[in-house]
Amino acid sequence: MKVYIPKKIILLAFLTLLFIIWIQTDIELALNFPIILLLLVPMWVYYRIYRSKKKQVVDAKREFLVNIFFLYLLMVMYVTLTPFHFTPSGNRGNINLVPYVQILYQYENKPSIFWMLYTLGNIIMFIPFGLLVPAIYRRRFKWLVTIFLGAFASLTIEVTQYFFTVERAADIDDFILNVFGSLLGYFLYRFTKILKNKYPENIQTNQGLTKK
């Protein structure tokens, strides 16, 4: 009797093994953003083409949103994770696990513009996340999936900043603001759906005028 092991599990196990071997060494890893693009973009294009060939019918609108979401994630990666620099035996970045410490520090000790950039920047950065995820995800409990994925994405950023970047720090306040931003994005998504359901004729008329 043959045992079927999914290819994704095999790939994940292989990458995990490579990571374990790597952290036992003193090999330094430093990647700039263009190199990251050269690694990720071709893999993404190949994956989307492979997926489209497996499906008999491709939803053009959803495919467009998926690719927009990928570009958005690349922008978030550039803003939050560069420069990417890691030495297994090197020093880790700073970490703050006490809520609202950084928010209050920015408010009390920095000019108001810096406080606004910090708080609003972290919120606004994740609003597109909350808009795009429910637009792509077609099943039930969209709000729960959006919050969970928003929290997971933000946690991934903070963990990566702590372990894989030299000039950045992991902060619970960033996590809180990011999740709040994804929640706001979901509310905006719901608001647009309500408007579309309430005024479908006006929306269709405007779309027809735009096409003309």
Protein backbone atom coordinates (compact mmCIF):
# COMPACT_ATOMS: atom_id res chain seq x y z
CA MET A 1 0.00 0.00 0.00
CA LYS A 2 1.46 3.28 -1.11
CA VAL A 3 1.27 6.28 1.18
CA TYR A 4 0.53 9.55 -0.59
CA ILE A 5 2.34 12.58 0.81
CA PRO A 6 1.26 15.96 -0.60
CA LYS A 7 3.96 17.87 -2.43
CA LYS A 8 3.39 20.91 -0.19
CA ILE A 9 4.22 18.83 2.90
CA ILE A 10 7.41 17.54 1.26
CA LEU A 11 8.46 21.07 0.27
CA LEU A 12 7.71 22.42 3.75
CA ALA A 13 9.71 19.61 5.38
CA PHE A 14 12.64 20.22 3.03
CA LEU A 15 12.68 23.97 3.72
CA THR A 16 12.42 23.33 7.46
CA LEU A 17 15.39 20.96 7.29
CA LEU A 18 17.44 23.54 5.38
CA PHE A 19 16.57 26.18 7.97
CA ILE A 20 17.57 23.91 10.87
CA ILE A 21 20.90 23.12 9.18
CA TRP A 22 21.48 26.81 8.45
CA ILE A 23 20.90 28.03 12.01
CA GLN A 24 23.63 25.65 13.19
CA THR A 25 26.12 27.58 11.08
CA ASP A 26 27.47 31.12 11.14
CA ILE A 27 26.55 31.83 7.54
CA GLU A 28 25.34 35.39 7.19
CA LEU A 29 22.34 36.14 4.97
CA ALA A 30 21.68 39.59 3.55
CA LEU A 31 19.16 40.25 0.79
CA ASN A 32 18.14 43.55 -0.73
CA PHE A 33 14.66 44.09 -2.13
CA PRO A 34 15.52 43.66 -5.85
CA ILE A 35 16.94 40.21 -5.09
CA ILE A 36 13.79 39.32 -3.17
CA LEU A 37 11.73 40.42 -6.18
CA LEU A 38 13.85 38.30 -8.50
CA LEU A 39 13.16 35.30 -6.27
CA LEU A 40 9.46 35.80 -5.61
CA VAL A 41 7.99 37.26 -8.81
CA PRO A 42 9.00 34.42 -11.19
CA MET A 43 7.74 31.83 -8.69
CA TRP A 44 4.45 33.70 -8.37
CA VAL A 45 3.96 34.00 -12.13
CA TYR A 46 4.70 30.31 -12.60
CA TYR A 47 2.29 29.38 -9.80
CA ARG A 48 -0.58 31.47 -11.21
CA ILE A 49 -0.08 30.07 -14.71
CA TYR A 50 0.02 26.55 -13.29
CA ARG A 51 -3.20 27.19 -11.33
CA SER A 52 -4.99 28.68 -14.33
CA LYS A 53 -4.11 25.67 -16.49
CA LYS A 54 -5.54 23.28 -13.91
CA LYS A 55 -8.85 25.15 -13.86
CA GLN A 56 -11.21 24.91 -16.81
CA VAL A 57 -12.74 28.31 -16.09
CA VAL A 58 -10.72 31.22 -14.70
CA ASP A 59 -12.50 34.07 -12.94
CA ALA A 60 -10.76 37.11 -14.43
CA LYS A 61 -11.98 39.47 -11.69
CA ARG A 62 -10.78 37.22 -8.88
CA GLU A 63 -7.47 36.58 -10.66
CA PHE A 64 -6.97 40.34 -10.94
CA LEU A 65 -7.66 40.81 -7.21
CA VAL A 66 -5.30 37.97 -6.29
CA ASN A 67 -2.46 39.56 -8.26
CA ILE A 68 -3.22 42.99 -6.79
CA PHE A 69 -3.04 41.37 -3.35
CA PHE A 70 0.36 39.88 -4.20
CA LEU A 71 1.68 43.30 -5.28
CA TYR A 72 0.28 44.80 -2.08
CA LEU A 73 2.11 42.18 0.01
CA LEU A 74 5.35 43.01 -1.81
CA MET A 75 4.87 46.68 -0.89
CA VAL A 76 4.25 45.77 2.76
CA MET A 77 7.36 43.59 2.71
CA TYR A 78 9.43 46.47 1.35
CA VAL A 79 8.14 48.90 3.99
CA THR A 80 8.45 46.58 6.98
CA LEU A 81 11.21 44.04 6.34
CA THR A 82 14.02 45.72 4.44
CA PRO A 83 16.93 45.63 4.92
CA PHE A 84 16.76 41.84 5.37
CA HIS A 85 19.86 40.77 7.30
CA PHE A 86 20.36 37.70 9.45
CA THR A 87 23.24 35.94 11.17
CA PRO A 88 22.26 32.78 13.11
CA SER A 89 24.57 33.52 16.03
CA GLY A 90 24.11 37.28 15.87
CA ASN A 91 22.28 39.61 18.21
CA ARG A 92 18.51 39.87 17.93
CA GLY A 93 16.58 43.08 17.55
CA ASN A 94 14.59 44.77 20.29
CA ILE A 95 11.18 43.49 21.30
CA ASN A 96 8.29 45.06 23.24
CA LEU A 97 5.48 42.85 24.52
CA VAL A 98 3.75 45.45 26.71
CA PRO A 99 0.71 46.95 24.93
CA TYR A 100 0.51 50.70 24.19
CA VAL A 101 4.03 51.49 25.43
CA GLN A 102 5.28 52.59 22.03
CA ILE A 103 2.06 54.45 21.20
CA LEU A 104 2.25 56.45 24.44
CA TYR A 105 5.98 57.04 24.03
CA GLN A 106 5.49 58.42 20.53
CA TYR A 107 2.63 60.61 21.76
CA GLU A 108 4.46 62.02 24.80
CA ASN A 109 8.02 62.35 23.49
CA LYS A 110 7.80 62.88 19.74
CA PRO A 111 6.31 65.67 17.62
CA SER A 112 2.67 65.07 16.76
CA ILE A 113 3.52 64.37 13.12
CA PHE A 114 5.70 61.39 14.14
CA TRP A 115 2.97 60.02 16.40
CA MET A 116 0.42 60.33 13.59
CA LEU A 117 2.77 58.69 11.09
CA TYR A 118 3.38 55.81 13.49
CA THR A 119 -0.22 55.12 14.47
CA LEU A 120 -2.00 55.99 11.23
CA GLY A 121 0.76 54.43 9.15
CA ASN A 122 0.37 51.05 10.86
CA ILE A 123 -3.42 51.24 10.54
CA ILE A 124 -3.57 52.43 6.92
CA MET A 125 -0.99 49.87 5.83
CA PHE A 126 -3.40 47.02 6.69
CA ILE A 127 -6.66 48.57 5.44
CA PRO A 128 -6.09 47.14 1.91
CA PHE A 129 -5.55 43.75 3.56
CA GLY A 130 -9.01 43.92 5.13
CA LEU A 131 -10.52 45.02 1.81
CA LEU A 132 -8.89 42.44 -0.45
CA VAL A 133 -9.09 39.28 1.67
CA PRO A 134 -12.92 39.14 1.87
CA ALA A 135 -13.15 40.12 -1.81
CA ILE A 136 -10.99 37.10 -2.73
CA TYR A 137 -12.23 34.63 -0.10
CA ARG A 138 -15.60 33.26 -1.24
CA ARG A 139 -16.68 31.14 1.69
CA ARG A 140 -18.51 31.90 4.92
CA PHE A 141 -17.12 33.68 8.00
CA LYS A 142 -15.24 36.25 5.93
CA TRP A 143 -14.88 38.57 8.92
CA LEU A 144 -13.27 35.83 11.03
CA VAL A 145 -10.92 34.79 8.23
CA THR A 146 -9.95 38.43 7.62
CA ILE A 147 -9.12 39.07 11.28
CA PHE A 148 -7.22 35.79 11.61
CA LEU A 149 -5.15 36.34 8.45
CA GLY A 150 -4.53 39.99 9.38
CA ALA A 151 -3.26 38.92 12.80
CA PHE A 152 -1.16 36.15 11.26
CA ALA A 153 0.37 38.51 8.67
CA SER A 154 1.21 41.12 11.30
CA LEU A 155 2.67 38.49 13.65
CA THR A 156 4.80 37.16 10.79
CA ILE A 157 6.13 40.66 10.18
CA GLU A 158 6.99 41.22 13.85
CA VAL A 159 8.70 37.83 14.23
CA THR A 160 10.68 38.40 11.03
CA GLN A 161 11.70 41.87 12.20
CA TYR A 162 13.01 40.41 15.44
CA PHE A 163 14.95 37.50 13.94
CA PHE A 164 15.83 38.63 10.43
CA THR A 165 16.41 42.38 10.49
CA VAL A 166 19.08 44.38 12.26
CA GLU A 167 17.61 47.89 12.25
CA ARG A 168 14.03 47.07 13.24
CA ALA A 169 12.19 45.93 16.37
CA ALA A 170 9.20 43.73 17.11
CA ASP A 171 6.42 45.58 18.91
CA ILE A 172 3.02 44.47 20.19
CA ASP A 173 1.65 47.94 19.39
CA ASP A 174 2.40 47.43 15.70
CA PHE A 175 0.45 44.17 15.89
CA ILE A 176 -2.54 45.84 17.55
CA LEU A 177 -2.64 48.70 15.03
CA ASN A 178 -2.23 46.33 12.07
CA VAL A 179 -5.12 44.12 13.19
CA PHE A 180 -7.26 47.22 13.75
CA GLY A 181 -6.40 48.37 10.23
CA SER A 182 -7.44 45.03 8.72
CA LEU A 183 -10.70 45.24 10.68
CA LEU A 184 -11.35 48.74 9.30
CA GLY A 185 -10.66 47.42 5.82
CA TYR A 186 -13.24 44.68 6.34
CA PHE A 187 -15.82 47.25 7.47
CA LEU A 188 -15.11 49.25 4.30
CA TYR A 189 -15.61 46.08 2.26
CA ARG A 190 -18.96 45.45 3.96
CA PHE A 191 -19.98 49.07 3.42
CA THR A 192 -19.28 48.84 -0.32
CA LYS A 193 -21.27 45.58 -0.48
CA ILE A 194 -24.22 47.24 1.25
CA LEU A 195 -24.12 50.17 -1.17
CA LYS A 196 -23.90 47.79 -4.13
CA ASN A 197 -26.91 45.80 -2.90
CA LYS A 198 -28.90 48.92 -2.04
CA TYR A 199 -28.26 50.82 -5.26
CA PRO A 200 -27.52 48.16 -7.90
CA GLU A 201 -29.25 50.07 -10.70
CA ASN A 202 -27.24 53.26 -10.10
CA ILE A 203 -23.96 51.32 -10.04
CA GLN A 204 -24.79 49.48 -13.27
CA THR A 205 -25.80 52.76 -14.93
CA ASN A 206 -22.55 54.43 -13.89
CA GLN A 207 -20.56 51.46 -15.16
CA GLY A 208 -22.39 51.65 -18.49
CA LEU A 209 -21.66 55.36 -18.83
CA THR A 210 -18.01 54.72 -18.02
CA LYS A 211 -17.76 52.09 -20.77
CA LYS A 212 -19.29 54.49 -23.31
